[in-house]
Amino acid sequence: MLHPEPIPGPDDAGSDAGPDARHRSTPERIFDAAIAEFARHGYQGATVRAICRRAGANTAAVNYHFGGKEQLYARVLEHIFRAPRQARAALRPDLEAAPAAERLHEFILNFFHEVYGCADAPQRRGELASIFIMEMAHPTPALEHIIDTYIQPDSRRLKDIVAGLLGPGASPELVRYGAGAVVAQVLHYCHIGPIIARLDPGAPPVAERVEALAALALQFSLGGLEALTCQNPNPNA
């Protein structure tokens, strides 16, 4: 779990911070409290007062350490994307010279690891997922930076892989459709996780079967893309 660097600041104000608060810096406590509040209430509903009360910090501490609620939320949102990317270094590096099918496998595997292989505790993973889903429902200005920094580069890479599999005759619309279908298979478990758990209560957690799910997604994607090269359907129909 990444946290801001400790910064000297306003004195703490005791409240809901918990028994271990004295062992953690004020920015750390605020950061964790912000995740909990944004997960429950979204950016609009969460208040600086509630965040500071949960953190056991003075209400001026958010401005002092982070510059305000908007900047604090931007830090939390970036953590959702930045922290999993650091795990990518432990996987195989990008195989830019490899065949497109092998590159697609690596992309899907990386994506599964980033979404479901978070090292945080289960409750924290749920909170981060909640923040992500609420951001999709009610986008904030912080999303622009996330798209430019994290999503756009991966989108270009995936489209390049899909275009290579579809062949030179594939239209840009078909490439976008194929890339979106690949992404949807990974995010499926995140977006409707509680429904899946109730429909198949005996299934192991996604984090415990990342390799198998990535392999299935690859097979499904390769089969679908191959079919698209033969049929060349109109995805807008």
C-alpha atoms as a PDB file:
ATOM      1  CA  MET A   1       0.000   0.000   0.000  1.00  0.00           C
ATOM      2  CA  LEU A   2       1.476   3.322  -1.029  1.00  0.00           C
ATOM      3  CA  HIS A   3       1.172   6.269   1.283  1.00  0.00           C
ATOM      4  CA  PRO A   4       2.267   9.905   1.091  1.00  0.00           C
ATOM      5  CA  GLU A   5       5.589  10.792   2.629  1.00  0.00           C
ATOM      6  CA  PRO A   6       5.291  11.975   6.256  1.00  0.00           C
ATOM      7  CA  ILE A   7       5.136  15.761   6.436  1.00  0.00           C
ATOM      8  CA  PRO A   8       5.223  17.812   9.621  1.00  0.00           C
ATOM      9  CA  GLY A   9       1.915  19.561  10.063  1.00  0.00           C
ATOM     10  CA  PRO A  10      -0.944  20.584  12.324  1.00  0.00           C
ATOM     11  CA  ASP A  11      -1.388  18.717  15.580  1.00  0.00           C
ATOM     12  CA  ASP A  12      -3.601  15.660  15.481  1.00  0.00           C
ATOM     13  CA  ALA A  13      -7.095  15.812  16.915  1.00  0.00           C
ATOM     14  CA  GLY A  14      -8.216  12.528  18.511  1.00  0.00           C
ATOM     15  CA  SER A  15     -11.342  10.863  17.156  1.00  0.00           C
ATOM     16  CA  ASP A  16     -12.044   7.745  15.065  1.00  0.00           C
ATOM     17  CA  ALA A  17      -8.416   7.046  14.158  1.00  0.00           C
ATOM     18  CA  GLY A  18      -8.177   3.732  15.989  1.00  0.00           C
ATOM     19  CA  PRO A  19      -5.729   2.279  18.536  1.00  0.00           C
ATOM     20  CA  ASP A  20      -2.667   2.232  16.227  1.00  0.00           C
ATOM     21  CA  ALA A  21      -3.023   5.865  15.088  1.00  0.00           C
ATOM     22  CA  ARG A  22      -0.094   7.069  17.162  1.00  0.00           C
ATOM     23  CA  HIS A  23       2.267   4.825  15.171  1.00  0.00           C
ATOM     24  CA  ARG A  24       1.311   6.356  11.826  1.00  0.00           C
ATOM     25  CA  SER A  25       1.878   9.816  10.401  1.00  0.00           C
ATOM     26  CA  THR A  26      -0.909  12.303   9.887  1.00  0.00           C
ATOM     27  CA  PRO A  27      -0.720  12.121   6.046  1.00  0.00           C
ATOM     28  CA  GLU A  28      -0.932   8.323   6.209  1.00  0.00           C
ATOM     29  CA  ARG A  29      -4.002   8.412   8.420  1.00  0.00           C
ATOM     30  CA  ILE A  30      -5.678  11.045   6.258  1.00  0.00           C
ATOM     31  CA  PHE A  31      -4.925   9.076   3.097  1.00  0.00           C
ATOM     32  CA  ASP A  32      -6.440   5.886   4.515  1.00  0.00           C
ATOM     33  CA  ALA A  33      -9.425   7.756   5.926  1.00  0.00           C
ATOM     34  CA  ALA A  34     -10.002   9.424   2.559  1.00  0.00           C
ATOM     35  CA  ILE A  35     -10.129   6.027   0.846  1.00  0.00           C
ATOM     36  CA  ALA A  36     -12.774   4.850   3.303  1.00  0.00           C
ATOM     37  CA  GLU A  37     -14.868   8.019   2.974  1.00  0.00           C
ATOM     38  CA  PHE A  38     -14.619   8.287  -0.814  1.00  0.00           C
ATOM     39  CA  ALA A  39     -15.537   4.596  -1.113  1.00  0.00           C
ATOM     40  CA  ARG A  40     -18.704   5.116   0.918  1.00  0.00           C
ATOM     41  CA  HIS A  41     -19.814   8.533  -0.262  1.00  0.00           C
ATOM     42  CA  GLY A  42     -17.992   9.301  -3.501  1.00  0.00           C
ATOM     43  CA  TYR A  43     -16.060  12.476  -4.158  1.00  0.00           C
ATOM     44  CA  GLN A  44     -19.103  14.737  -3.891  1.00  0.00           C
ATOM     45  CA  GLY A  45     -20.506  13.159  -0.723  1.00  0.00           C
ATOM     46  CA  ALA A  46     -17.282  12.819   1.264  1.00  0.00           C
ATOM     47  CA  THR A  47     -16.367  15.808   3.423  1.00  0.00           C
ATOM     48  CA  VAL A  48     -13.057  17.051   4.753  1.00  0.00           C
ATOM     49  CA  ARG A  49     -14.573  17.095   8.238  1.00  0.00           C
ATOM     50  CA  ALA A  50     -15.535  13.409   8.038  1.00  0.00           C
ATOM     51  CA  ILE A  51     -12.141  12.427   6.624  1.00  0.00           C
ATOM     52  CA  CYS A  52     -10.299  14.251   9.382  1.00  0.00           C
ATOM     53  CA  ARG A  53     -12.581  12.872  12.065  1.00  0.00           C
ATOM     54  CA  ARG A  54     -11.911   9.341  10.850  1.00  0.00           C
ATOM     55  CA  ALA A  55      -8.179  10.079  10.685  1.00  0.00           C
ATOM     56  CA  GLY A  56      -8.064  11.736  14.088  1.00  0.00           C
ATOM     57  CA  ALA A  57      -6.604  14.867  12.519  1.00  0.00           C
ATOM     58  CA  ASN A  58      -7.241  18.587  12.651  1.00  0.00           C
ATOM     59  CA  THR A  59      -9.595  19.768   9.877  1.00  0.00           C
ATOM     60  CA  ALA A  60      -6.824  21.993   8.531  1.00  0.00           C
ATOM     61  CA  ALA A  61      -4.586  18.969   7.939  1.00  0.00           C
ATOM     62  CA  VAL A  62      -6.065  18.099   4.521  1.00  0.00           C
ATOM     63  CA  ASN A  63      -5.181  21.501   3.115  1.00  0.00           C
ATOM     64  CA  TYR A  64      -1.803  21.476   4.818  1.00  0.00           C
ATOM     65  CA  HIS A  65      -0.668  18.047   3.633  1.00  0.00           C
ATOM     66  CA  PHE A  66      -2.511  17.639   0.335  1.00  0.00           C
ATOM     67  CA  GLY A  67      -3.676  21.067  -0.781  1.00  0.00           C
ATOM     68  CA  GLY A  68      -7.395  20.371  -0.401  1.00  0.00           C
ATOM     69  CA  LYS A  69     -10.072  17.752  -0.933  1.00  0.00           C
ATOM     70  CA  GLU A  70      -9.753  17.766  -4.738  1.00  0.00           C
ATOM     71  CA  GLN A  71      -6.013  17.134  -4.612  1.00  0.00           C
ATOM     72  CA  LEU A  72      -6.452  14.449  -1.965  1.00  0.00           C
ATOM     73  CA  TYR A  73      -9.001  12.659  -4.123  1.00  0.00           C
ATOM     74  CA  ALA A  74      -6.667  12.895  -7.116  1.00  0.00           C
ATOM     75  CA  ARG A  75      -3.939  11.222  -5.043  1.00  0.00           C
ATOM     76  CA  VAL A  76      -6.305   8.418  -4.039  1.00  0.00           C
ATOM     77  CA  LEU A  77      -7.493   7.893  -7.613  1.00  0.00           C
ATOM     78  CA  GLU A  78      -3.930   7.778  -8.879  1.00  0.00           C
ATOM     79  CA  HIS A  79      -3.053   5.214  -6.207  1.00  0.00           C
ATOM     80  CA  ILE A  80      -5.695   2.908  -7.684  1.00  0.00           C
ATOM     81  CA  PHE A  81      -3.824   2.902 -10.991  1.00  0.00           C
ATOM     82  CA  ARG A  82      -0.211   3.498  -9.930  1.00  0.00           C
ATOM     83  CA  ALA A  83       0.167   0.853  -7.231  1.00  0.00           C
ATOM     84  CA  PRO A  84      -0.833  -2.125  -9.428  1.00  0.00           C
ATOM     85  CA  ARG A  85       1.461  -0.906 -12.208  1.00  0.00           C
ATOM     86  CA  GLN A  86       4.425  -1.421  -9.915  1.00  0.00           C
ATOM     87  CA  ALA A  87       3.522  -5.111  -9.746  1.00  0.00           C
ATOM     88  CA  ARG A  88       3.825  -5.238 -13.529  1.00  0.00           C
ATOM     89  CA  ALA A  89       7.602  -5.039 -13.185  1.00  0.00           C
ATOM     90  CA  ALA A  90       7.535  -8.446 -11.492  1.00  0.00           C
ATOM     91  CA  LEU A  91       5.897  -9.985 -14.552  1.00  0.00           C
ATOM     92  CA  ARG A  92       7.493 -10.504 -17.930  1.00  0.00           C
ATOM     93  CA  PRO A  93       8.514  -7.285 -19.671  1.00  0.00           C
ATOM     94  CA  ASP A  94       6.654  -6.099 -22.745  1.00  0.00           C
ATOM     95  CA  LEU A  95       7.316  -8.352 -25.711  1.00  0.00           C
ATOM     96  CA  GLU A  96       7.183  -5.789 -28.464  1.00  0.00           C
ATOM     97  CA  ALA A  97       8.912  -8.064 -30.986  1.00  0.00           C
ATOM     98  CA  ALA A  98       6.832 -11.152 -30.147  1.00  0.00           C
ATOM     99  CA  PRO A  99       3.869 -12.413 -32.201  1.00  0.00           C
ATOM    100  CA  ALA A 100       0.601 -10.560 -31.611  1.00  0.00           C
ATOM    101  CA  ALA A 101      -1.024 -13.554 -29.884  1.00  0.00           C
ATOM    102  CA  GLU A 102       1.799 -13.753 -27.355  1.00  0.00           C
ATOM    103  CA  ARG A 103       1.629 -10.011 -26.738  1.00  0.00           C
ATOM    104  CA  LEU A 104      -2.121 -10.270 -26.206  1.00  0.00           C
ATOM    105  CA  HIS A 105      -1.606 -13.010 -23.621  1.00  0.00           C
ATOM    106  CA  GLU A 106       0.882 -10.827 -21.780  1.00  0.00           C
ATOM    107  CA  PHE A 107      -1.479  -7.849 -21.923  1.00  0.00           C
ATOM    108  CA  ILE A 108      -4.425  -9.816 -20.555  1.00  0.00           C
ATOM    109  CA  LEU A 109      -2.326 -11.439 -17.824  1.00  0.00           C
ATOM    110  CA  ASN A 110      -0.913  -8.066 -16.769  1.00  0.00           C
ATOM    111  CA  PHE A 111      -4.384  -6.573 -16.745  1.00  0.00           C
ATOM    112  CA  PHE A 112      -5.782  -9.353 -14.547  1.00  0.00           C
ATOM    113  CA  HIS A 113      -2.867  -8.961 -12.126  1.00  0.00           C
ATOM    114  CA  GLU A 114      -3.330  -5.191 -11.960  1.00  0.00           C
ATOM    115  CA  VAL A 115      -7.067  -5.350 -11.310  1.00  0.00           C
ATOM    116  CA  TYR A 116      -7.236  -8.378  -8.996  1.00  0.00           C
ATOM    117  CA  GLY A 117      -3.709  -8.900  -7.696  1.00  0.00           C
ATOM    118  CA  CYS A 118      -3.668  -5.867  -5.389  1.00  0.00           C
ATOM    119  CA  ALA A 119      -1.600  -6.536  -2.266  1.00  0.00           C
ATOM    120  CA  ASP A 120      -4.001  -4.564  -0.070  1.00  0.00           C
ATOM    121  CA  ALA A 121      -6.316  -6.265   2.411  1.00  0.00           C
ATOM    122  CA  PRO A 122      -9.693  -7.483   1.075  1.00  0.00           C
ATOM    123  CA  GLN A 123     -11.584  -4.588   2.664  1.00  0.00           C
ATOM    124  CA  ARG A 124      -9.196  -2.078   1.100  1.00  0.00           C
ATOM    125  CA  ARG A 125      -9.493  -3.762  -2.307  1.00  0.00           C
ATOM    126  CA  GLY A 126     -13.260  -3.411  -2.038  1.00  0.00           C
ATOM    127  CA  GLU A 127     -12.961   0.257  -1.147  1.00  0.00           C
ATOM    128  CA  LEU A 128     -10.654   0.977  -4.077  1.00  0.00           C
ATOM    129  CA  ALA A 129     -12.995  -0.859  -6.453  1.00  0.00           C
ATOM    130  CA  SER A 130     -15.915   1.180  -5.108  1.00  0.00           C
ATOM    131  CA  ILE A 131     -14.059   4.443  -5.741  1.00  0.00           C
ATOM    132  CA  PHE A 132     -13.240   3.333  -9.291  1.00  0.00           C
ATOM    133  CA  ILE A 133     -16.853   2.394 -10.075  1.00  0.00           C
ATOM    134  CA  MET A 134     -18.185   5.667  -8.634  1.00  0.00           C
ATOM    135  CA  GLU A 135     -15.623   7.580 -10.676  1.00  0.00           C
ATOM    136  CA  MET A 136     -16.957   5.858 -13.802  1.00  0.00           C
ATOM    137  CA  ALA A 137     -20.518   6.817 -12.830  1.00  0.00           C
ATOM    138  CA  HIS A 138     -19.661  10.394 -11.838  1.00  0.00           C
ATOM    139  CA  PRO A 139     -16.351  11.437 -13.463  1.00  0.00           C
ATOM    140  CA  THR A 140     -14.277  14.125 -11.795  1.00  0.00           C
ATOM    141  CA  PRO A 141     -11.573  16.361 -13.297  1.00  0.00           C
ATOM    142  CA  ALA A 142      -8.965  13.968 -11.848  1.00  0.00           C
ATOM    143  CA  LEU A 143      -9.932  11.383 -14.464  1.00  0.00           C
ATOM    144  CA  GLU A 144      -8.228  13.314 -17.269  1.00  0.00           C
ATOM    145  CA  HIS A 145      -4.808  12.777 -15.713  1.00  0.00           C
ATOM    146  CA  ILE A 146      -5.547   9.081 -15.170  1.00  0.00           C
ATOM    147  CA  ILE A 147      -6.542   8.636 -18.812  1.00  0.00           C
ATOM    148  CA  ASP A 148      -3.496  10.482 -20.139  1.00  0.00           C
ATOM    149  CA  THR A 149      -1.008   8.792 -17.814  1.00  0.00           C
ATOM    150  CA  TYR A 150      -2.266   5.232 -17.483  1.00  0.00           C
ATOM    151  CA  ILE A 151      -5.204   4.336 -19.730  1.00  0.00           C
ATOM    152  CA  GLN A 152      -4.308   5.944 -23.050  1.00  0.00           C
ATOM    153  CA  PRO A 153      -0.873   4.286 -23.384  1.00  0.00           C
ATOM    154  CA  ASP A 154      -2.369   0.860 -22.657  1.00  0.00           C
ATOM    155  CA  SER A 155      -5.257   1.540 -25.025  1.00  0.00           C
ATOM    156  CA  ARG A 156      -2.869   2.307 -27.856  1.00  0.00           C
ATOM    157  CA  ARG A 157      -0.854  -0.805 -27.128  1.00  0.00           C
ATOM    158  CA  LEU A 158      -3.908  -3.060 -27.040  1.00  0.00           C
ATOM    159  CA  LYS A 159      -5.299  -1.597 -30.260  1.00  0.00           C
ATOM    160  CA  ASP A 160      -1.956  -2.207 -31.940  1.00  0.00           C
ATOM    161  CA  ILE A 161      -2.073  -5.865 -30.833  1.00  0.00           C
ATOM    162  CA  VAL A 162      -5.679  -6.293 -31.948  1.00  0.00           C
ATOM    163  CA  ALA A 163      -4.971  -4.625 -35.298  1.00  0.00           C
ATOM    164  CA  GLY A 164      -2.124  -7.064 -35.849  1.00  0.00           C
ATOM    165  CA  LEU A 165      -4.452  -9.999 -35.200  1.00  0.00           C
ATOM    166  CA  LEU A 166      -7.269  -8.647 -37.374  1.00  0.00           C
ATOM    167  CA  GLY A 167      -5.001  -7.865 -40.292  1.00  0.00           C
ATOM    168  CA  PRO A 168      -4.410  -4.784 -42.448  1.00  0.00           C
ATOM    169  CA  GLY A 169      -7.993  -4.672 -43.743  1.00  0.00           C
ATOM    170  CA  ALA A 170      -9.557  -4.070 -40.324  1.00  0.00           C
ATOM    171  CA  SER A 171     -11.298  -0.728 -39.889  1.00  0.00           C
ATOM    172  CA  PRO A 172     -10.509   1.507 -36.889  1.00  0.00           C
ATOM    173  CA  GLU A 173     -14.050   0.850 -35.600  1.00  0.00           C
ATOM    174  CA  LEU A 174     -13.480  -2.910 -35.693  1.00  0.00           C
ATOM    175  CA  VAL A 175     -10.146  -2.536 -33.895  1.00  0.00           C
ATOM    176  CA  ARG A 176     -11.808  -0.469 -31.151  1.00  0.00           C
ATOM    177  CA  TYR A 177     -14.598  -3.018 -30.855  1.00  0.00           C
ATOM    178  CA  GLY A 178     -12.142  -5.904 -30.561  1.00  0.00           C
ATOM    179  CA  ALA A 179     -10.012  -4.092 -27.990  1.00  0.00           C
ATOM    180  CA  GLY A 180     -13.093  -3.226 -25.948  1.00  0.00           C
ATOM    181  CA  ALA A 181     -14.188  -6.858 -25.953  1.00  0.00           C
ATOM    182  CA  VAL A 182     -10.817  -7.886 -24.530  1.00  0.00           C
ATOM    183  CA  VAL A 183     -10.987  -5.301 -21.746  1.00  0.00           C
ATOM    184  CA  ALA A 184     -14.581  -6.224 -20.893  1.00  0.00           C
ATOM    185  CA  GLN A 185     -13.597  -9.818 -20.115  1.00  0.00           C
ATOM    186  CA  VAL A 186     -11.189  -8.639 -17.435  1.00  0.00           C
ATOM    187  CA  LEU A 187     -13.374  -5.952 -15.860  1.00  0.00           C
ATOM    188  CA  HIS A 188     -16.418  -8.224 -15.859  1.00  0.00           C
ATOM    189  CA  TYR A 189     -15.506  -9.712 -12.464  1.00  0.00           C
ATOM    190  CA  CYS A 190     -14.909  -6.283 -10.966  1.00  0.00           C
ATOM    191  CA  HIS A 191     -18.111  -4.627 -12.148  1.00  0.00           C
ATOM    192  CA  ILE A 192     -20.560  -7.349 -11.109  1.00  0.00           C
ATOM    193  CA  GLY A 193     -18.526  -9.273  -8.548  1.00  0.00           C
ATOM    194  CA  PRO A 194     -21.327  -9.567  -5.955  1.00  0.00           C
ATOM    195  CA  ILE A 195     -23.698 -10.986  -8.584  1.00  0.00           C
ATOM    196  CA  ILE A 196     -21.123 -13.533  -9.753  1.00  0.00           C
ATOM    197  CA  ALA A 197     -20.467 -14.594  -6.158  1.00  0.00           C
ATOM    198  CA  ARG A 198     -24.151 -15.298  -5.628  1.00  0.00           C
ATOM    199  CA  LEU A 199     -24.642 -17.080  -8.940  1.00  0.00           C
ATOM    200  CA  ASP A 200     -21.599 -19.273  -8.357  1.00  0.00           C
ATOM    201  CA  PRO A 201     -20.963 -19.264  -4.574  1.00  0.00           C
ATOM    202  CA  GLY A 202     -18.451 -22.100  -4.739  1.00  0.00           C
ATOM    203  CA  ALA A 203     -16.075 -20.386  -7.153  1.00  0.00           C
ATOM    204  CA  PRO A 204     -12.667 -19.361  -5.739  1.00  0.00           C
ATOM    205  CA  PRO A 205     -11.849 -15.630  -5.603  1.00  0.00           C
ATOM    206  CA  VAL A 206     -10.657 -14.146  -8.865  1.00  0.00           C
ATOM    207  CA  ALA A 207      -7.271 -13.340  -7.324  1.00  0.00           C
ATOM    208  CA  GLU A 208      -6.686 -17.079  -6.800  1.00  0.00           C
ATOM    209  CA  ARG A 209      -7.314 -18.016 -10.442  1.00  0.00           C
ATOM    210  CA  VAL A 210      -5.808 -15.144 -12.382  1.00  0.00           C
ATOM    211  CA  GLU A 211      -3.653 -17.398 -14.562  1.00  0.00           C
ATOM    212  CA  ALA A 212      -6.562 -19.652 -15.533  1.00  0.00           C
ATOM    213  CA  LEU A 213      -8.941 -16.771 -16.226  1.00  0.00           C
ATOM    214  CA  ALA A 214      -6.309 -14.980 -18.289  1.00  0.00           C
ATOM    215  CA  ALA A 215      -5.792 -18.125 -20.374  1.00  0.00           C
ATOM    216  CA  LEU A 216      -9.538 -18.465 -20.968  1.00  0.00           C
ATOM    217  CA  ALA A 217      -9.846 -14.802 -21.898  1.00  0.00           C
ATOM    218  CA  LEU A 218      -6.987 -15.206 -24.346  1.00  0.00           C
ATOM    219  CA  GLN A 219      -8.599 -18.238 -26.027  1.00  0.00           C
ATOM    220  CA  PHE A 220     -11.951 -16.478 -26.235  1.00  0.00           C
ATOM    221  CA  SER A 221     -10.354 -13.302 -27.608  1.00  0.00           C
ATOM    222  CA  LEU A 222      -8.262 -15.082 -30.210  1.00  0.00           C
ATOM    223  CA  GLY A 223     -11.278 -17.095 -31.368  1.00  0.00           C
ATOM    224  CA  GLY A 224     -13.473 -14.022 -31.581  1.00  0.00           C
ATOM    225  CA  LEU A 225     -10.883 -11.952 -33.399  1.00  0.00           C
ATOM    226  CA  GLU A 226     -10.276 -14.757 -35.862  1.00  0.00           C
ATOM    227  CA  ALA A 227     -14.014 -14.931 -36.532  1.00  0.00           C
ATOM    228  CA  LEU A 228     -14.092 -11.182 -37.072  1.00  0.00           C
ATOM    229  CA  THR A 229     -11.358 -11.400 -39.710  1.00  0.00           C
ATOM    230  CA  CYS A 230     -13.558 -13.849 -41.640  1.00  0.00           C
ATOM    231  CA  GLN A 231     -16.904 -12.123 -41.213  1.00  0.00           C
ATOM    232  CA  ASN A 232     -15.780  -8.485 -40.888  1.00  0.00           C
ATOM    233  CA  PRO A 233     -19.055  -7.466 -39.178  1.00  0.00           C
ATOM    234  CA  ASN A 234     -20.122  -3.911 -38.558  1.00  0.00           C
ATOM    235  CA  PRO A 235     -19.771  -3.373 -34.775  1.00  0.00           C
ATOM    236  CA  ASN A 236     -22.136  -0.408 -34.980  1.00  0.00           C
ATOM    237  CA  ALA A 237     -24.970  -2.469 -36.455  1.00  0.00           C
END
